[in-house]
Amino acid sequence: MNSHLQSNRFENALHAALWNIQKLSPDEGDILMKYVYKAMEITPEILNLDLHLSNIFFTCYFARFGPGSIIRVFSDQSRL
């Protein structure tokens, strides 16, 4: 997944994340969400690529990590 993120292949990274989200630690989940929000900041149209896939990702992510992870990402002072 990191190789996809580093090479700006965000849709491939999202697919990889969906397959592996249950294996992530809470810290890794926070890092993943930072990259997701950074990707949305850089290219807002990324959510329009596959809205259904994005909805599945956020549903799976929220079920695994809960609202705390999203709050930590938004309140973290360090930016990507």
C-alpha atoms as a PDB file:
ATOM      1  CA  MET A   1       0.000   0.000   0.000  1.00  0.00           C
ATOM      2  CA  ASN A   2       2.831   2.411   0.812  1.00  0.00           C
ATOM      3  CA  SER A   3       4.269   1.994  -2.673  1.00  0.00           C
ATOM      4  CA  HIS A   4       0.901   2.967  -4.158  1.00  0.00           C
ATOM      5  CA  LEU A   5       0.682   6.036  -1.930  1.00  0.00           C
ATOM      6  CA  GLN A   6       4.232   7.154  -2.640  1.00  0.00           C
ATOM      7  CA  SER A   7       3.713   6.861  -6.392  1.00  0.00           C
ATOM      8  CA  ASN A   8       0.369   8.728  -6.271  1.00  0.00           C
ATOM      9  CA  ARG A   9      -1.666   5.667  -7.292  1.00  0.00           C
ATOM     10  CA  PHE A  10      -4.384   6.505  -4.801  1.00  0.00           C
ATOM     11  CA  GLU A  11      -7.098   4.258  -6.224  1.00  0.00           C
ATOM     12  CA  ASN A  12      -4.771   1.237  -6.038  1.00  0.00           C
ATOM     13  CA  ALA A  13      -3.860   2.218  -2.482  1.00  0.00           C
ATOM     14  CA  LEU A  14      -7.548   2.364  -1.581  1.00  0.00           C
ATOM     15  CA  HIS A  15      -8.089  -1.152  -2.963  1.00  0.00           C
ATOM     16  CA  ALA A  16      -5.100  -2.419  -0.967  1.00  0.00           C
ATOM     17  CA  ALA A  17      -6.367  -0.701   2.174  1.00  0.00           C
ATOM     18  CA  LEU A  18      -9.769  -2.351   1.881  1.00  0.00           C
ATOM     19  CA  TRP A  19      -8.155  -5.772   1.694  1.00  0.00           C
ATOM     20  CA  ASN A  20      -5.879  -5.119   4.667  1.00  0.00           C
ATOM     21  CA  ILE A  21      -7.783  -2.743   6.949  1.00  0.00           C
ATOM     22  CA  GLN A  22      -8.466  -5.397   9.603  1.00  0.00           C
ATOM     23  CA  LYS A  23      -4.726  -6.094   9.900  1.00  0.00           C
ATOM     24  CA  LEU A  24      -3.774  -2.488  10.691  1.00  0.00           C
ATOM     25  CA  SER A  25      -2.838  -1.305  14.161  1.00  0.00           C
ATOM     26  CA  PRO A  26      -4.532   1.858  15.494  1.00  0.00           C
ATOM     27  CA  ASP A  27      -1.390   3.880  14.710  1.00  0.00           C
ATOM     28  CA  GLU A  28      -1.292   2.524  11.162  1.00  0.00           C
ATOM     29  CA  GLY A  29      -4.981   3.361  10.793  1.00  0.00           C
ATOM     30  CA  ASP A  30      -4.280   6.960  11.786  1.00  0.00           C
ATOM     31  CA  ILE A  31      -1.446   7.164   9.252  1.00  0.00           C
ATOM     32  CA  LEU A  32      -3.660   5.692   6.548  1.00  0.00           C
ATOM     33  CA  MET A  33      -6.383   8.258   7.249  1.00  0.00           C
ATOM     34  CA  LYS A  34      -3.819  11.074   7.091  1.00  0.00           C
ATOM     35  CA  TYR A  35      -2.847   9.898   3.606  1.00  0.00           C
ATOM     36  CA  VAL A  36      -6.489   9.563   2.549  1.00  0.00           C
ATOM     37  CA  TYR A  37      -7.300  13.106   3.641  1.00  0.00           C
ATOM     38  CA  LYS A  38      -4.081  14.414   2.077  1.00  0.00           C
ATOM     39  CA  ALA A  39      -5.008  12.727  -1.202  1.00  0.00           C
ATOM     40  CA  MET A  40      -8.459  14.318  -1.024  1.00  0.00           C
ATOM     41  CA  GLU A  41      -6.825  17.693  -0.365  1.00  0.00           C
ATOM     42  CA  ILE A  42      -4.461  17.382  -3.335  1.00  0.00           C
ATOM     43  CA  THR A  43      -6.958  15.838  -5.752  1.00  0.00           C
ATOM     44  CA  PRO A  44     -10.547  16.329  -4.534  1.00  0.00           C
ATOM     45  CA  GLU A  45     -11.869  14.456  -7.562  1.00  0.00           C
ATOM     46  CA  ILE A  46     -10.362  11.252  -6.154  1.00  0.00           C
ATOM     47  CA  LEU A  47     -13.624  10.577  -4.315  1.00  0.00           C
ATOM     48  CA  ASN A  48     -15.510  10.816  -7.581  1.00  0.00           C
ATOM     49  CA  LEU A  49     -13.391   8.070  -9.165  1.00  0.00           C
ATOM     50  CA  ASP A  50     -15.410   5.420  -7.417  1.00  0.00           C
ATOM     51  CA  LEU A  51     -17.839   6.844  -4.901  1.00  0.00           C
ATOM     52  CA  HIS A  52     -19.108   3.397  -3.971  1.00  0.00           C
ATOM     53  CA  LEU A  53     -15.573   2.190  -3.207  1.00  0.00           C
ATOM     54  CA  SER A  54     -14.926   5.316  -1.132  1.00  0.00           C
ATOM     55  CA  ASN A  55     -18.104   4.721   0.866  1.00  0.00           C
ATOM     56  CA  ILE A  56     -17.080   1.123   1.495  1.00  0.00           C
ATOM     57  CA  PHE A  57     -13.632   2.253   2.635  1.00  0.00           C
ATOM     58  CA  PHE A  58     -14.962   4.811   5.115  1.00  0.00           C
ATOM     59  CA  THR A  59     -17.557   2.337   6.419  1.00  0.00           C
ATOM     60  CA  CYS A  60     -14.884  -0.342   6.953  1.00  0.00           C
ATOM     61  CA  TYR A  61     -12.464   2.162   8.424  1.00  0.00           C
ATOM     62  CA  PHE A  62     -15.013   3.573  10.861  1.00  0.00           C
ATOM     63  CA  ALA A  63     -16.107   0.068  11.906  1.00  0.00           C
ATOM     64  CA  ARG A  64     -12.489  -0.903  12.620  1.00  0.00           C
ATOM     65  CA  PHE A  65     -11.126   2.285  14.213  1.00  0.00           C
ATOM     66  CA  GLY A  66     -14.173   4.281  15.294  1.00  0.00           C
ATOM     67  CA  PRO A  67     -14.504   8.052  15.404  1.00  0.00           C
ATOM     68  CA  GLY A  68     -11.401   8.538  17.560  1.00  0.00           C
ATOM     69  CA  SER A  69      -9.026   7.960  14.683  1.00  0.00           C
ATOM     70  CA  ILE A  70     -10.681  10.554  12.471  1.00  0.00           C
ATOM     71  CA  ILE A  71     -10.709  13.054  15.335  1.00  0.00           C
ATOM     72  CA  ARG A  72      -7.006  12.395  16.015  1.00  0.00           C
ATOM     73  CA  VAL A  73      -6.157  12.983  12.353  1.00  0.00           C
ATOM     74  CA  PHE A  74      -8.018  16.301  12.245  1.00  0.00           C
ATOM     75  CA  SER A  75      -6.622  17.502  15.562  1.00  0.00           C
ATOM     76  CA  ASP A  76      -3.012  16.403  14.933  1.00  0.00           C
ATOM     77  CA  GLN A  77      -0.705  19.397  14.597  1.00  0.00           C
ATOM     78  CA  SER A  78       1.768  17.610  12.323  1.00  0.00           C
ATOM     79  CA  ARG A  79       0.758  17.639   8.667  1.00  0.00           C
ATOM     80  CA  LEU A  80       1.812  15.392   5.815  1.00  0.00           C
END
